Amino acid sequence: MLELAILGLLQETPMHGYELRKELATKLGTIRAAISYGTLYPTLKRLHTAGWITESASDPSTVPPMTSKRGRVVYKITAEGKERFADLLAQAGPETYDDAGFGVHFAFFARTDQATRLRILEGRRRRIEERREGLRDVLARAGERLDAYTLELQRHGLDACEREVRWLEELITNERSGRAPATPGSFELPTTESPHRVAGDTSPQSPRPHEDRP
């Protein structure tokens, strides 16, 4: 899946290793741990050997400070690499339903055709529904034998599955109707009431005792 992410980012613009790692962290940060150079560079080498990317020396003045000499190598996708990216993007097999596989594919859904998006979403929903039913079975059959913390962990997992199923069902409904998810800029962070103000109270907040001190 790292191959798909790298080719997708390089299709946008050539990058050196430092930039690529940074963009991967931005693109995939919520779905996988930080990608180390020990993982990134062997993958880049494999892609280069396959002829899907090229390497060239960059202007030394453009290399970010505190980076190794590897930062001087700029990676660029080839025509064959673009074809490989398109082939990977069109895949909708079981590997795209797992946590990491789904996350990487979902990160590039804007470049994926609607039919493939729908197959992946439906497959992911089935996978999470199976996980949800497994957790329900554990709680029903062994709940009384679990200690309080293990039981809470199982409930947390079940809650997460139920939330994701609802989220996937909404996405699937939108895909079938031709609606896209909310556009950038329409998302607003929820606000929270001050712990020192009663909900609905619009009167000025009184200062805390220590705020009266000079």
N, C-alpha and C. Protein backbone atom coordinates (compact mmCIF):
# COMPACT_ATOMS: atom_id res chain seq x y z
N MET A 1 0.82 -1.21 0.00
CA MET A 1 0.00 0.00 0.00
C MET A 1 0.86 1.27 0.00
N LEU A 2 2.07 1.17 0.54
CA LEU A 2 2.97 2.32 0.51
C LEU A 2 3.33 2.66 -0.93
N GLU A 3 3.42 1.64 -1.77
CA GLU A 3 3.70 1.84 -3.19
C GLU A 3 2.63 2.73 -3.83
N LEU A 4 1.37 2.44 -3.55
CA LEU A 4 0.28 3.23 -4.09
C LEU A 4 0.38 4.67 -3.62
N ALA A 5 0.65 4.88 -2.34
CA ALA A 5 0.73 6.23 -1.80
C ALA A 5 1.88 7.02 -2.41
N ILE A 6 3.04 6.39 -2.56
CA ILE A 6 4.20 7.07 -3.13
C ILE A 6 3.94 7.47 -4.57
N LEU A 7 3.45 6.54 -5.37
CA LEU A 7 3.18 6.85 -6.78
C LEU A 7 2.11 7.93 -6.90
N GLY A 8 1.12 7.89 -6.02
CA GLY A 8 0.08 8.91 -6.07
C GLY A 8 0.60 10.29 -5.77
N LEU A 9 1.49 10.39 -4.79
CA LEU A 9 2.05 11.70 -4.44
C LEU A 9 3.02 12.19 -5.51
N LEU A 10 3.81 11.29 -6.06
CA LEU A 10 4.77 11.69 -7.09
C LEU A 10 4.07 12.06 -8.40
N GLN A 11 2.85 11.60 -8.58
CA GLN A 11 2.11 11.99 -9.77
C GLN A 11 1.71 13.46 -9.68
N GLU A 12 1.63 13.97 -8.45
CA GLU A 12 1.29 15.38 -8.27
C GLU A 12 2.49 16.27 -8.56
N THR A 13 3.67 15.86 -8.06
CA THR A 13 4.88 16.65 -8.27
C THR A 13 6.10 15.83 -7.87
N PRO A 14 7.26 16.04 -8.51
CA PRO A 14 8.48 15.35 -8.07
C PRO A 14 8.85 15.80 -6.65
N MET A 15 9.44 14.90 -5.88
CA MET A 15 9.84 15.21 -4.51
C MET A 15 11.12 14.49 -4.16
N HIS A 16 11.84 15.04 -3.18
CA HIS A 16 12.96 14.30 -2.61
C HIS A 16 12.46 13.57 -1.36
N GLY A 17 13.30 12.76 -0.78
CA GLY A 17 12.87 11.89 0.30
C GLY A 17 12.27 12.60 1.48
N TYR A 18 12.85 13.72 1.88
CA TYR A 18 12.34 14.47 3.03
C TYR A 18 10.92 14.97 2.76
N GLU A 19 10.71 15.56 1.58
CA GLU A 19 9.38 16.06 1.23
C GLU A 19 8.37 14.92 1.14
N LEU A 20 8.80 13.81 0.55
CA LEU A 20 7.91 12.68 0.35
C LEU A 20 7.46 12.10 1.68
N ARG A 21 8.40 11.95 2.60
CA ARG A 21 8.05 11.42 3.93
C ARG A 21 7.07 12.37 4.63
N LYS A 22 7.30 13.67 4.50
CA LYS A 22 6.43 14.65 5.13
C LYS A 22 5.02 14.59 4.54
N GLU A 23 4.92 14.48 3.21
CA GLU A 23 3.62 14.41 2.56
C GLU A 23 2.89 13.11 2.88
N LEU A 24 3.66 12.03 3.00
CA LEU A 24 3.05 10.75 3.38
C LEU A 24 2.46 10.83 4.78
N ALA A 25 3.17 11.50 5.67
CA ALA A 25 2.67 11.66 7.04
C ALA A 25 1.38 12.48 7.05
N THR A 26 1.31 13.50 6.18
CA THR A 26 0.11 14.32 6.09
C THR A 26 -1.05 13.54 5.50
N LYS A 27 -0.75 12.78 4.45
CA LYS A 27 -1.80 12.04 3.73
C LYS A 27 -2.29 10.84 4.52
N LEU A 28 -1.37 10.14 5.18
CA LEU A 28 -1.71 8.87 5.83
C LEU A 28 -1.58 8.92 7.34
N GLY A 29 -1.33 10.10 7.90
CA GLY A 29 -1.04 10.18 9.33
C GLY A 29 -2.10 9.62 10.23
N THR A 30 -3.36 9.69 9.80
CA THR A 30 -4.44 9.21 10.66
C THR A 30 -4.68 7.72 10.54
N ILE A 31 -4.03 7.05 9.59
CA ILE A 31 -4.33 5.64 9.38
C ILE A 31 -3.14 4.72 9.56
N ARG A 32 -1.95 5.27 9.76
CA ARG A 32 -0.81 4.41 10.02
C ARG A 32 0.27 5.18 10.77
N ALA A 33 1.15 4.44 11.39
CA ALA A 33 2.23 5.05 12.15
C ALA A 33 3.17 5.80 11.21
N ALA A 34 4.00 6.65 11.79
CA ALA A 34 4.96 7.42 11.01
C ALA A 34 5.84 6.50 10.18
N ILE A 35 6.06 6.87 8.93
CA ILE A 35 6.85 6.06 8.01
C ILE A 35 8.31 6.44 8.19
N SER A 36 9.13 5.47 8.50
CA SER A 36 10.55 5.72 8.72
C SER A 36 11.30 5.73 7.39
N TYR A 37 12.49 6.35 7.42
CA TYR A 37 13.32 6.31 6.23
C TYR A 37 13.74 4.88 5.91
N GLY A 38 13.84 4.05 6.94
CA GLY A 38 14.20 2.65 6.73
C GLY A 38 13.15 1.88 5.98
N THR A 39 11.92 2.37 5.99
CA THR A 39 10.85 1.77 5.21
C THR A 39 10.69 2.46 3.87
N LEU A 40 10.85 3.78 3.86
CA LEU A 40 10.63 4.57 2.66
C LEU A 40 11.65 4.29 1.57
N TYR A 41 12.94 4.34 1.92
CA TYR A 41 13.96 4.24 0.87
C TYR A 41 14.05 2.88 0.21
N PRO A 42 13.88 1.76 0.92
CA PRO A 42 13.83 0.47 0.21
C PRO A 42 12.66 0.40 -0.77
N THR A 43 11.54 1.01 -0.41
CA THR A 43 10.40 1.02 -1.33
C THR A 43 10.70 1.87 -2.55
N LEU A 44 11.33 3.02 -2.34
CA LEU A 44 11.72 3.87 -3.46
C LEU A 44 12.71 3.14 -4.37
N LYS A 45 13.64 2.42 -3.79
CA LYS A 45 14.60 1.67 -4.59
C LYS A 45 13.91 0.61 -5.44
N ARG A 46 12.92 -0.06 -4.85
CA ARG A 46 12.18 -1.09 -5.59
C ARG A 46 11.39 -0.46 -6.73
N LEU A 47 10.78 0.68 -6.48
CA LEU A 47 10.02 1.35 -7.53
C LEU A 47 10.94 1.82 -8.65
N HIS A 48 12.14 2.26 -8.27
CA HIS A 48 13.11 2.69 -9.28
C HIS A 48 13.58 1.51 -10.12
N THR A 49 13.85 0.40 -9.48
CA THR A 49 14.29 -0.81 -10.20
C THR A 49 13.21 -1.28 -11.17
N ALA A 50 11.96 -1.13 -10.77
CA ALA A 50 10.85 -1.55 -11.63
C ALA A 50 10.60 -0.59 -12.78
N GLY A 51 11.25 0.58 -12.74
CA GLY A 51 11.07 1.55 -13.80
C GLY A 51 9.87 2.46 -13.62
N TRP A 52 9.32 2.49 -12.41
CA TRP A 52 8.13 3.30 -12.16
C TRP A 52 8.46 4.70 -11.69
N ILE A 53 9.69 4.93 -11.22
CA ILE A 53 10.13 6.27 -10.85
C ILE A 53 11.56 6.44 -11.33
N THR A 54 11.99 7.68 -11.45
CA THR A 54 13.37 7.99 -11.80
C THR A 54 13.99 8.78 -10.66
N GLU A 55 15.31 8.81 -10.63
CA GLU A 55 16.05 9.58 -9.64
C GLU A 55 16.93 10.59 -10.34
N SER A 56 17.02 11.78 -9.77
CA SER A 56 17.91 12.80 -10.32
C SER A 56 18.41 13.66 -9.19
N ALA A 57 19.54 14.34 -9.39
CA ALA A 57 20.12 15.20 -8.37
C ALA A 57 19.39 16.53 -8.37
N SER A 58 19.11 17.04 -7.18
CA SER A 58 18.44 18.33 -7.05
C SER A 58 19.45 19.42 -6.78
N ASP A 59 19.00 20.65 -6.86
CA ASP A 59 19.82 21.81 -6.53
C ASP A 59 20.13 21.76 -5.03
N PRO A 60 21.41 21.72 -4.63
CA PRO A 60 21.74 21.63 -3.20
C PRO A 60 21.10 22.72 -2.36
N SER A 61 20.84 23.88 -2.93
CA SER A 61 20.27 24.99 -2.16
C SER A 61 18.82 24.73 -1.78
N THR A 62 18.19 23.75 -2.44
CA THR A 62 16.78 23.47 -2.13
C THR A 62 16.63 22.36 -1.10
N VAL A 63 17.72 21.75 -0.67
CA VAL A 63 17.63 20.66 0.29
C VAL A 63 17.36 21.23 1.68
N PRO A 64 16.34 20.75 2.38
CA PRO A 64 16.05 21.26 3.73
C PRO A 64 17.21 21.01 4.67
N PRO A 65 17.43 21.87 5.64
CA PRO A 65 18.52 21.67 6.60
C PRO A 65 18.29 20.42 7.42
N MET A 66 19.37 19.86 7.96
CA MET A 66 19.33 18.70 8.85
C MET A 66 18.88 17.43 8.15
N THR A 67 18.90 17.40 6.81
CA THR A 67 18.57 16.17 6.11
C THR A 67 19.86 15.53 5.62
N SER A 68 19.80 14.23 5.34
CA SER A 68 20.97 13.51 4.88
C SER A 68 21.21 13.78 3.40
N LYS A 69 22.30 13.23 2.87
CA LYS A 69 22.60 13.40 1.46
C LYS A 69 21.51 12.79 0.58
N ARG A 70 20.75 11.83 1.14
CA ARG A 70 19.65 11.26 0.37
C ARG A 70 18.65 12.33 -0.03
N GLY A 71 18.56 13.41 0.73
CA GLY A 71 17.64 14.47 0.41
C GLY A 71 17.97 15.15 -0.90
N ARG A 72 19.17 14.95 -1.44
CA ARG A 72 19.57 15.56 -2.69
C ARG A 72 19.03 14.81 -3.90
N VAL A 73 18.44 13.66 -3.69
CA VAL A 73 17.87 12.87 -4.78
C VAL A 73 16.40 13.20 -4.95
N VAL A 74 16.02 13.61 -6.14
CA VAL A 74 14.62 13.92 -6.44
C VAL A 74 14.01 12.74 -7.17
N TYR A 75 12.82 12.36 -6.73
CA TYR A 75 12.12 11.22 -7.33
C TYR A 75 10.98 11.74 -8.18
N LYS A 76 10.85 11.15 -9.36
CA LYS A 76 9.83 11.56 -10.32
C LYS A 76 9.17 10.33 -10.92
N ILE A 77 7.86 10.35 -11.06
CA ILE A 77 7.14 9.21 -11.61
C ILE A 77 7.33 9.14 -13.12
N THR A 78 7.39 7.94 -13.66
CA THR A 78 7.53 7.73 -15.10
C THR A 78 6.16 7.43 -15.71
N ALA A 79 6.12 7.33 -17.03
CA ALA A 79 4.87 6.97 -17.70
C ALA A 79 4.41 5.59 -17.25
N GLU A 80 5.39 4.68 -17.11
CA GLU A 80 5.06 3.33 -16.61
C GLU A 80 4.54 3.39 -15.18
N GLY A 81 5.12 4.30 -14.39
CA GLY A 81 4.67 4.46 -13.01
C GLY A 81 3.24 4.97 -12.93
N LYS A 82 2.87 5.84 -13.86
CA LYS A 82 1.50 6.34 -13.88
C LYS A 82 0.52 5.22 -14.23
N GLU A 83 0.94 4.34 -15.14
CA GLU A 83 0.10 3.19 -15.46
C GLU A 83 -0.03 2.25 -14.27
N ARG A 84 1.09 2.06 -13.57
CA ARG A 84 1.06 1.21 -12.38
C ARG A 84 0.14 1.81 -11.32
N PHE A 85 0.20 3.11 -11.13
CA PHE A 85 -0.67 3.77 -10.15
C PHE A 85 -2.14 3.58 -10.52
N ALA A 86 -2.45 3.72 -11.81
CA ALA A 86 -3.83 3.54 -12.25
C ALA A 86 -4.30 2.11 -12.01
N ASP A 87 -3.40 1.14 -12.23
CA ASP A 87 -3.75 -0.26 -11.99
C ASP A 87 -4.01 -0.51 -10.50
N LEU A 88 -3.16 0.03 -9.64
CA LEU A 88 -3.34 -0.13 -8.20
C LEU A 88 -4.62 0.55 -7.72
N LEU A 89 -4.90 1.70 -8.30
CA LEU A 89 -6.06 2.47 -7.90
C LEU A 89 -7.36 1.73 -8.25
N ALA A 90 -7.32 0.93 -9.32
CA ALA A 90 -8.52 0.23 -9.78
C ALA A 90 -8.77 -1.07 -9.03
N GLN A 91 -7.84 -1.47 -8.17
CA GLN A 91 -8.02 -2.71 -7.43
C GLN A 91 -9.09 -2.54 -6.36
N ALA A 92 -9.91 -3.58 -6.18
CA ALA A 92 -10.97 -3.53 -5.17
C ALA A 92 -11.11 -4.89 -4.52
N GLY A 93 -10.00 -5.59 -4.32
CA GLY A 93 -10.03 -6.91 -3.72
C GLY A 93 -10.05 -6.86 -2.21
N PRO A 94 -10.00 -8.04 -1.58
CA PRO A 94 -10.07 -8.12 -0.10
C PRO A 94 -9.01 -7.29 0.61
N GLU A 95 -7.83 -7.11 0.00
CA GLU A 95 -6.77 -6.34 0.66
C GLU A 95 -7.17 -4.87 0.83
N THR A 96 -8.14 -4.40 0.05
CA THR A 96 -8.58 -3.01 0.17
C THR A 96 -9.63 -2.84 1.26
N TYR A 97 -10.05 -3.93 1.88
CA TYR A 97 -11.05 -3.85 2.95
C TYR A 97 -10.39 -3.79 4.33
N ASP A 98 -9.12 -4.21 4.42
CA ASP A 98 -8.42 -4.18 5.70
C ASP A 98 -8.13 -2.74 6.11
N ASP A 99 -7.73 -2.57 7.37
CA ASP A 99 -7.54 -1.22 7.90
C ASP A 99 -6.56 -0.39 7.08
N ALA A 100 -5.34 -0.90 6.90
CA ALA A 100 -4.32 -0.12 6.18
C ALA A 100 -4.67 0.04 4.71
N GLY A 101 -5.08 -1.06 4.08
CA GLY A 101 -5.40 -1.01 2.66
C GLY A 101 -6.56 -0.06 2.36
N PHE A 102 -7.58 -0.13 3.18
CA PHE A 102 -8.73 0.75 2.97
C PHE A 102 -8.32 2.21 3.17
N GLY A 103 -7.54 2.47 4.21
CA GLY A 103 -7.15 3.84 4.49
C GLY A 103 -6.36 4.47 3.36
N VAL A 104 -5.41 3.73 2.79
CA VAL A 104 -4.60 4.27 1.70
C VAL A 104 -5.47 4.51 0.46
N HIS A 105 -6.31 3.53 0.12
CA HIS A 105 -7.18 3.70 -1.04
C HIS A 105 -8.14 4.87 -0.84
N PHE A 106 -8.68 4.98 0.37
CA PHE A 106 -9.63 6.05 0.63
C PHE A 106 -8.96 7.42 0.49
N ALA A 107 -7.68 7.50 0.84
CA ALA A 107 -6.95 8.77 0.73
C ALA A 107 -6.85 9.23 -0.72
N PHE A 108 -7.02 8.30 -1.68
CA PHE A 108 -6.94 8.65 -3.10
C PHE A 108 -8.28 8.43 -3.80
N PHE A 109 -9.36 8.45 -3.05
CA PHE A 109 -10.69 8.25 -3.64
C PHE A 109 -11.04 9.32 -4.66
N ALA A 110 -10.51 10.52 -4.50
CA ALA A 110 -10.82 11.60 -5.44
C ALA A 110 -10.35 11.25 -6.85
N ARG A 111 -9.38 10.34 -6.96
CA ARG A 111 -8.87 9.95 -8.27
C ARG A 111 -9.35 8.56 -8.68
N THR A 112 -10.24 7.99 -7.90
CA THR A 112 -10.76 6.65 -8.16
C THR A 112 -12.14 6.74 -8.79
N ASP A 113 -12.42 5.85 -9.75
CA ASP A 113 -13.74 5.90 -10.38
C ASP A 113 -14.83 5.47 -9.40
N GLN A 114 -16.05 5.89 -9.67
CA GLN A 114 -17.16 5.69 -8.74
C GLN A 114 -17.45 4.21 -8.49
N ALA A 115 -17.41 3.38 -9.53
CA ALA A 115 -17.71 1.97 -9.36
C ALA A 115 -16.72 1.30 -8.41
N THR A 116 -15.43 1.65 -8.55
CA THR A 116 -14.41 1.08 -7.67
C THR A 116 -14.58 1.58 -6.24
N ARG A 117 -14.86 2.86 -6.10
CA ARG A 117 -15.11 3.41 -4.76
C ARG A 117 -16.23 2.66 -4.07
N LEU A 118 -17.31 2.40 -4.81
CA LEU A 118 -18.47 1.73 -4.23
C LEU A 118 -18.14 0.30 -3.83
N ARG A 119 -17.38 -0.41 -4.65
CA ARG A 119 -17.00 -1.80 -4.32
C ARG A 119 -16.14 -1.84 -3.07
N ILE A 120 -15.23 -0.90 -2.95
CA ILE A 120 -14.35 -0.86 -1.77
C ILE A 120 -15.16 -0.52 -0.52
N LEU A 121 -16.03 0.46 -0.62
CA LEU A 121 -16.84 0.84 0.53
C LEU A 121 -17.75 -0.30 0.99
N GLU A 122 -18.35 -1.00 0.03
CA GLU A 122 -19.23 -2.12 0.40
C GLU A 122 -18.43 -3.26 1.00
N GLY A 123 -17.25 -3.52 0.45
CA GLY A 123 -16.40 -4.56 1.01
C GLY A 123 -15.92 -4.21 2.41
N ARG A 124 -15.57 -2.96 2.61
CA ARG A 124 -15.14 -2.51 3.94
C ARG A 124 -16.30 -2.62 4.93
N ARG A 125 -17.49 -2.28 4.51
CA ARG A 125 -18.64 -2.39 5.41
C ARG A 125 -18.85 -3.84 5.83
N ARG A 126 -18.77 -4.78 4.89
CA ARG A 126 -18.91 -6.20 5.25
C ARG A 126 -17.85 -6.62 6.24
N ARG A 127 -16.61 -6.15 6.03
CA ARG A 127 -15.52 -6.52 6.92
C ARG A 127 -15.78 -6.00 8.34
N ILE A 128 -16.22 -4.76 8.46
CA ILE A 128 -16.47 -4.19 9.78
C ILE A 128 -17.70 -4.81 10.42
N GLU A 129 -18.70 -5.15 9.62
CA GLU A 129 -19.87 -5.83 10.17
C GLU A 129 -19.48 -7.19 10.75
N GLU A 130 -18.59 -7.90 10.07
CA GLU A 130 -18.10 -9.18 10.59
C GLU A 130 -17.36 -8.98 11.91
N ARG A 131 -16.54 -7.94 11.96
CA ARG A 131 -15.81 -7.63 13.18
C ARG A 131 -16.79 -7.27 14.31
N ARG A 132 -17.79 -6.50 13.98
CA ARG A 132 -18.80 -6.11 14.96
C ARG A 132 -19.53 -7.32 15.52
N GLU A 133 -19.93 -8.25 14.63
CA GLU A 133 -20.65 -9.43 15.09
C GLU A 133 -19.75 -10.31 15.96
N GLY A 134 -18.46 -10.35 15.64
CA GLY A 134 -17.54 -11.12 16.46
C GLY A 134 -17.43 -10.56 17.87
N LEU A 135 -17.39 -9.24 17.97
CA LEU A 135 -17.32 -8.60 19.28
C LEU A 135 -18.62 -8.80 20.06
N ARG A 136 -19.73 -8.73 19.37
CA ARG A 136 -21.01 -8.97 20.04
C ARG A 136 -21.07 -10.40 20.59
N ASP A 137 -20.54 -11.34 19.80
CA ASP A 137 -20.55 -12.73 20.24
C ASP A 137 -19.68 -12.92 21.48
N VAL A 138 -18.50 -12.27 21.48
CA VAL A 138 -17.62 -12.35 22.65
C VAL A 138 -18.32 -11.79 23.88
N LEU A 139 -18.96 -10.65 23.74
CA LEU A 139 -19.64 -10.04 24.88
C LEU A 139 -20.82 -10.87 25.36
N ALA A 140 -21.51 -11.51 24.43
CA ALA A 140 -22.68 -12.31 24.81
C ALA A 140 -22.28 -13.61 25.50
N ARG A 141 -21.18 -14.24 25.01
CA ARG A 141 -20.81 -15.55 25.53
C ARG A 141 -19.82 -15.49 26.69
N ALA A 142 -18.95 -14.49 26.67
CA ALA A 142 -17.88 -14.48 27.67
C ALA A 142 -17.84 -13.20 28.49
N GLY A 143 -18.82 -12.34 28.32
CA GLY A 143 -18.81 -11.06 29.01
C GLY A 143 -18.69 -11.18 30.51
N GLU A 144 -19.38 -12.15 31.08
CA GLU A 144 -19.36 -12.29 32.54
C GLU A 144 -18.01 -12.78 33.05
N ARG A 145 -17.21 -13.40 32.19
CA ARG A 145 -15.91 -13.93 32.62
C ARG A 145 -14.77 -12.94 32.40
N LEU A 146 -15.07 -11.83 31.76
CA LEU A 146 -14.03 -10.84 31.49
C LEU A 146 -13.90 -9.88 32.67
N ASP A 147 -12.66 -9.44 32.93
CA ASP A 147 -12.50 -8.42 33.96
C ASP A 147 -13.01 -7.09 33.43
N ALA A 148 -13.18 -6.12 34.31
CA ALA A 148 -13.82 -4.87 33.96
C ALA A 148 -13.11 -4.13 32.83
N TYR A 149 -11.78 -4.16 32.82
CA TYR A 149 -11.02 -3.42 31.81
C TYR A 149 -11.08 -4.10 30.45
N THR A 150 -10.98 -5.42 30.44
CA THR A 150 -11.10 -6.15 29.18
C THR A 150 -12.50 -5.98 28.61
N LEU A 151 -13.49 -6.01 29.47
CA LEU A 151 -14.86 -5.82 29.04
C LEU A 151 -15.06 -4.42 28.44
N GLU A 152 -14.46 -3.43 29.08
CA GLU A 152 -14.57 -2.06 28.57
C GLU A 152 -13.89 -1.92 27.22
N LEU A 153 -12.76 -2.61 27.06
CA LEU A 153 -12.05 -2.57 25.78
C LEU A 153 -12.89 -3.19 24.67
N GLN A 154 -13.55 -4.30 24.97
CA GLN A 154 -14.42 -4.95 23.98
C GLN A 154 -15.59 -4.04 23.61
N ARG A 155 -16.16 -3.37 24.61
CA ARG A 155 -17.26 -2.45 24.34
C ARG A 155 -16.79 -1.27 23.49
N HIS A 156 -15.59 -0.79 23.78
CA HIS A 156 -15.03 0.31 22.99
C HIS A 156 -14.86 -0.12 21.53
N GLY A 157 -14.36 -1.32 21.32
CA GLY A 157 -14.21 -1.83 19.97
C GLY A 157 -15.55 -1.97 19.26
N LEU A 158 -16.55 -2.44 19.99
CA LEU A 158 -17.88 -2.58 19.42
C LEU A 158 -18.46 -1.22 19.04
N ASP A 159 -18.30 -0.24 19.92
CA ASP A 159 -18.78 1.11 19.62
C ASP A 159 -18.11 1.67 18.37
N ALA A 160 -16.80 1.44 18.25
CA ALA A 160 -16.06 1.94 17.09
C ALA A 160 -16.57 1.29 15.81
N CYS A 161 -16.85 -0.01 15.86
CA CYS A 161 -17.38 -0.72 14.69
C CYS A 161 -18.74 -0.18 14.30
N GLU A 162 -19.59 0.04 15.27
CA GLU A 162 -20.93 0.54 14.98
C GLU A 162 -20.88 1.94 14.37
N ARG A 163 -19.97 2.78 14.87
CA ARG A 163 -19.82 4.13 14.29
C ARG A 163 -19.31 4.04 12.86
N GLU A 164 -18.36 3.16 12.62
CA GLU A 164 -17.81 3.07 11.26
C GLU A 164 -18.83 2.51 10.29
N VAL A 165 -19.63 1.56 10.71
CA VAL A 165 -20.67 1.02 9.83
C VAL A 165 -21.64 2.14 9.44
N ARG A 166 -22.04 2.95 10.39
CA ARG A 166 -22.94 4.07 10.06
C ARG A 166 -22.27 5.04 9.09
N TRP A 167 -21.00 5.32 9.32
CA TRP A 167 -20.25 6.23 8.43
C TRP A 167 -20.17 5.66 7.02
N LEU A 168 -19.86 4.36 6.92
CA LEU A 168 -19.75 3.71 5.61
C LEU A 168 -21.09 3.69 4.90
N GLU A 169 -22.16 3.44 5.63
CA GLU A 169 -23.48 3.41 5.01
C GLU A 169 -23.84 4.78 4.44
N GLU A 170 -23.44 5.84 5.15
CA GLU A 170 -23.69 7.19 4.63
C GLU A 170 -22.88 7.44 3.36
N LEU A 171 -21.62 7.02 3.36
CA LEU A 171 -20.79 7.19 2.17
C LEU A 171 -21.34 6.39 0.99
N ILE A 172 -21.79 5.17 1.25
CA ILE A 172 -22.34 4.34 0.19
C ILE A 172 -23.60 4.97 -0.39
N THR A 173 -24.46 5.49 0.48
CA THR A 173 -25.67 6.17 0.02
C THR A 173 -25.32 7.36 -0.85
N ASN A 174 -24.31 8.13 -0.44
CA ASN A 174 -23.88 9.28 -1.22
C ASN A 174 -23.32 8.87 -2.57
N GLU A 175 -22.52 7.80 -2.58
CA GLU A 175 -21.96 7.33 -3.85
C GLU A 175 -23.05 6.89 -4.81
N ARG A 176 -24.03 6.18 -4.31
CA ARG A 176 -25.12 5.69 -5.17
C ARG A 176 -25.98 6.81 -5.71
N SER A 177 -26.06 7.90 -4.95
CA SER A 177 -26.87 9.04 -5.40
C SER A 177 -26.05 10.08 -6.14
N GLY A 178 -24.73 9.85 -6.20
CA GLY A 178 -23.87 10.79 -6.92
C GLY A 178 -23.43 11.98 -6.13
N ARG A 179 -23.67 11.95 -4.80
CA ARG A 179 -23.25 13.07 -3.95
C ARG A 179 -21.85 12.82 -3.41
N ALA A 180 -21.04 13.87 -3.38
CA ALA A 180 -19.70 13.78 -2.83
C ALA A 180 -19.73 14.14 -1.35
N PRO A 181 -18.71 13.72 -0.57
CA PRO A 181 -18.63 14.14 0.83
C PRO A 181 -18.52 15.65 0.94
N ALA A 182 -18.63 16.17 2.14
CA ALA A 182 -18.55 17.61 2.37
C ALA A 182 -17.27 18.16 1.78
N THR A 183 -17.36 19.31 1.15
CA THR A 183 -16.20 19.92 0.53
C THR A 183 -15.31 20.57 1.55
N PRO A 184 -13.98 20.70 1.25
CA PRO A 184 -13.08 21.36 2.19
C PRO A 184 -13.57 22.77 2.52
N GLY A 185 -13.48 23.11 3.79
CA GLY A 185 -13.92 24.42 4.22
C GLY A 185 -15.29 24.40 4.86
N SER A 186 -16.04 23.29 4.63
CA SER A 186 -17.38 23.20 5.22
C SER A 186 -17.35 22.54 6.58
N PHE A 187 -16.20 22.02 6.97
CA PHE A 187 -16.09 21.34 8.26
C PHE A 187 -15.81 22.35 9.35
N GLU A 188 -16.56 22.24 10.44
CA GLU A 188 -16.37 23.14 11.57
C GLU A 188 -16.11 22.31 12.82
N LEU A 189 -15.13 22.71 13.57
CA LEU A 189 -14.87 22.03 14.82
C LEU A 189 -15.98 22.31 15.81
N PRO A 190 -16.39 21.28 16.56
CA PRO A 190 -17.44 21.51 17.55
C PRO A 190 -16.96 22.44 18.64
N THR A 191 -17.87 23.27 19.15
CA THR A 191 -17.52 24.16 20.25
C THR A 191 -17.99 23.54 21.55
N THR A 192 -17.34 23.89 22.62
CA THR A 192 -17.71 23.35 23.92
C THR A 192 -18.03 24.49 24.85
N GLU A 193 -19.00 24.26 25.69
CA GLU A 193 -19.36 25.28 26.68
C GLU A 193 -18.25 25.38 27.73
N SER A 194 -18.04 26.59 28.22
CA SER A 194 -17.08 26.76 29.29
C SER A 194 -17.55 26.00 30.52
N PRO A 195 -16.66 25.29 31.21
CA PRO A 195 -17.07 24.54 32.38
C PRO A 195 -17.58 25.44 33.51
N HIS A 196 -17.35 26.75 33.40
CA HIS A 196 -17.78 27.67 34.44
C HIS A 196 -19.04 28.44 34.04
N ARG A 197 -19.67 28.01 32.90
CA ARG A 197 -20.85 28.72 32.42
C ARG A 197 -21.97 27.71 32.23
N VAL A 198 -23.14 28.00 32.70
CA VAL A 198 -24.28 27.12 32.51
C VAL A 198 -24.75 27.25 31.07
N ALA A 199 -25.07 26.09 30.45
CA ALA A 199 -25.53 26.11 29.06
C ALA A 199 -26.74 27.02 28.91
N GLY A 200 -26.70 27.91 27.93
CA GLY A 200 -27.81 28.82 27.69
C GLY A 200 -27.66 30.14 28.43
N ASP A 201 -26.71 30.25 29.34
CA ASP A 201 -26.51 31.47 30.12
C ASP A 201 -25.68 32.44 29.31
N THR A 202 -26.23 33.59 28.98
CA THR A 202 -25.51 34.58 28.17
C THR A 202 -24.95 35.71 29.00
N SER A 203 -25.06 35.63 30.29
CA SER A 203 -24.53 36.71 31.14
C SER A 203 -23.03 36.63 31.20
N PRO A 204 -22.35 37.75 31.46
CA PRO A 204 -20.88 37.74 31.54
C PRO A 204 -20.41 36.76 32.60
N GLN A 205 -19.32 36.12 32.30
CA GLN A 205 -18.78 35.14 33.23
C GLN A 205 -18.01 35.82 34.35
N SER A 206 -18.30 35.41 35.56
CA SER A 206 -17.60 35.98 36.70
C SER A 206 -16.17 35.50 36.73
N PRO A 207 -15.24 36.35 37.13
CA PRO A 207 -13.85 35.91 37.19
C PRO A 207 -13.67 34.90 38.30
N ARG A 208 -12.68 34.04 38.11
CA ARG A 208 -12.34 33.09 39.15
C ARG A 208 -11.70 33.85 40.32
N PRO A 209 -11.74 33.28 41.51
CA PRO A 209 -11.18 33.98 42.68
C PRO A 209 -9.74 34.44 42.46
N HIS A 210 -8.90 33.61 41.86
CA HIS A 210 -7.49 34.00 41.77
C HIS A 210 -7.28 35.09 40.74
N GLU A 211 -8.29 35.32 39.84
CA GLU A 211 -8.13 36.36 38.82
C GLU A 211 -8.33 37.75 39.43
N ASP A 212 -8.83 37.86 40.68
CA ASP A 212 -8.99 39.15 41.30
C ASP A 212 -7.69 39.66 41.90
N ARG A 213 -6.71 38.76 42.01
CA ARG A 213 -5.46 39.15 42.64
C ARG A 213 -4.65 40.06 41.71
N PRO A 214 -3.93 41.01 42.26
CA PRO A 214 -3.11 41.92 41.42
C PRO A 214 -1.97 41.16 40.80
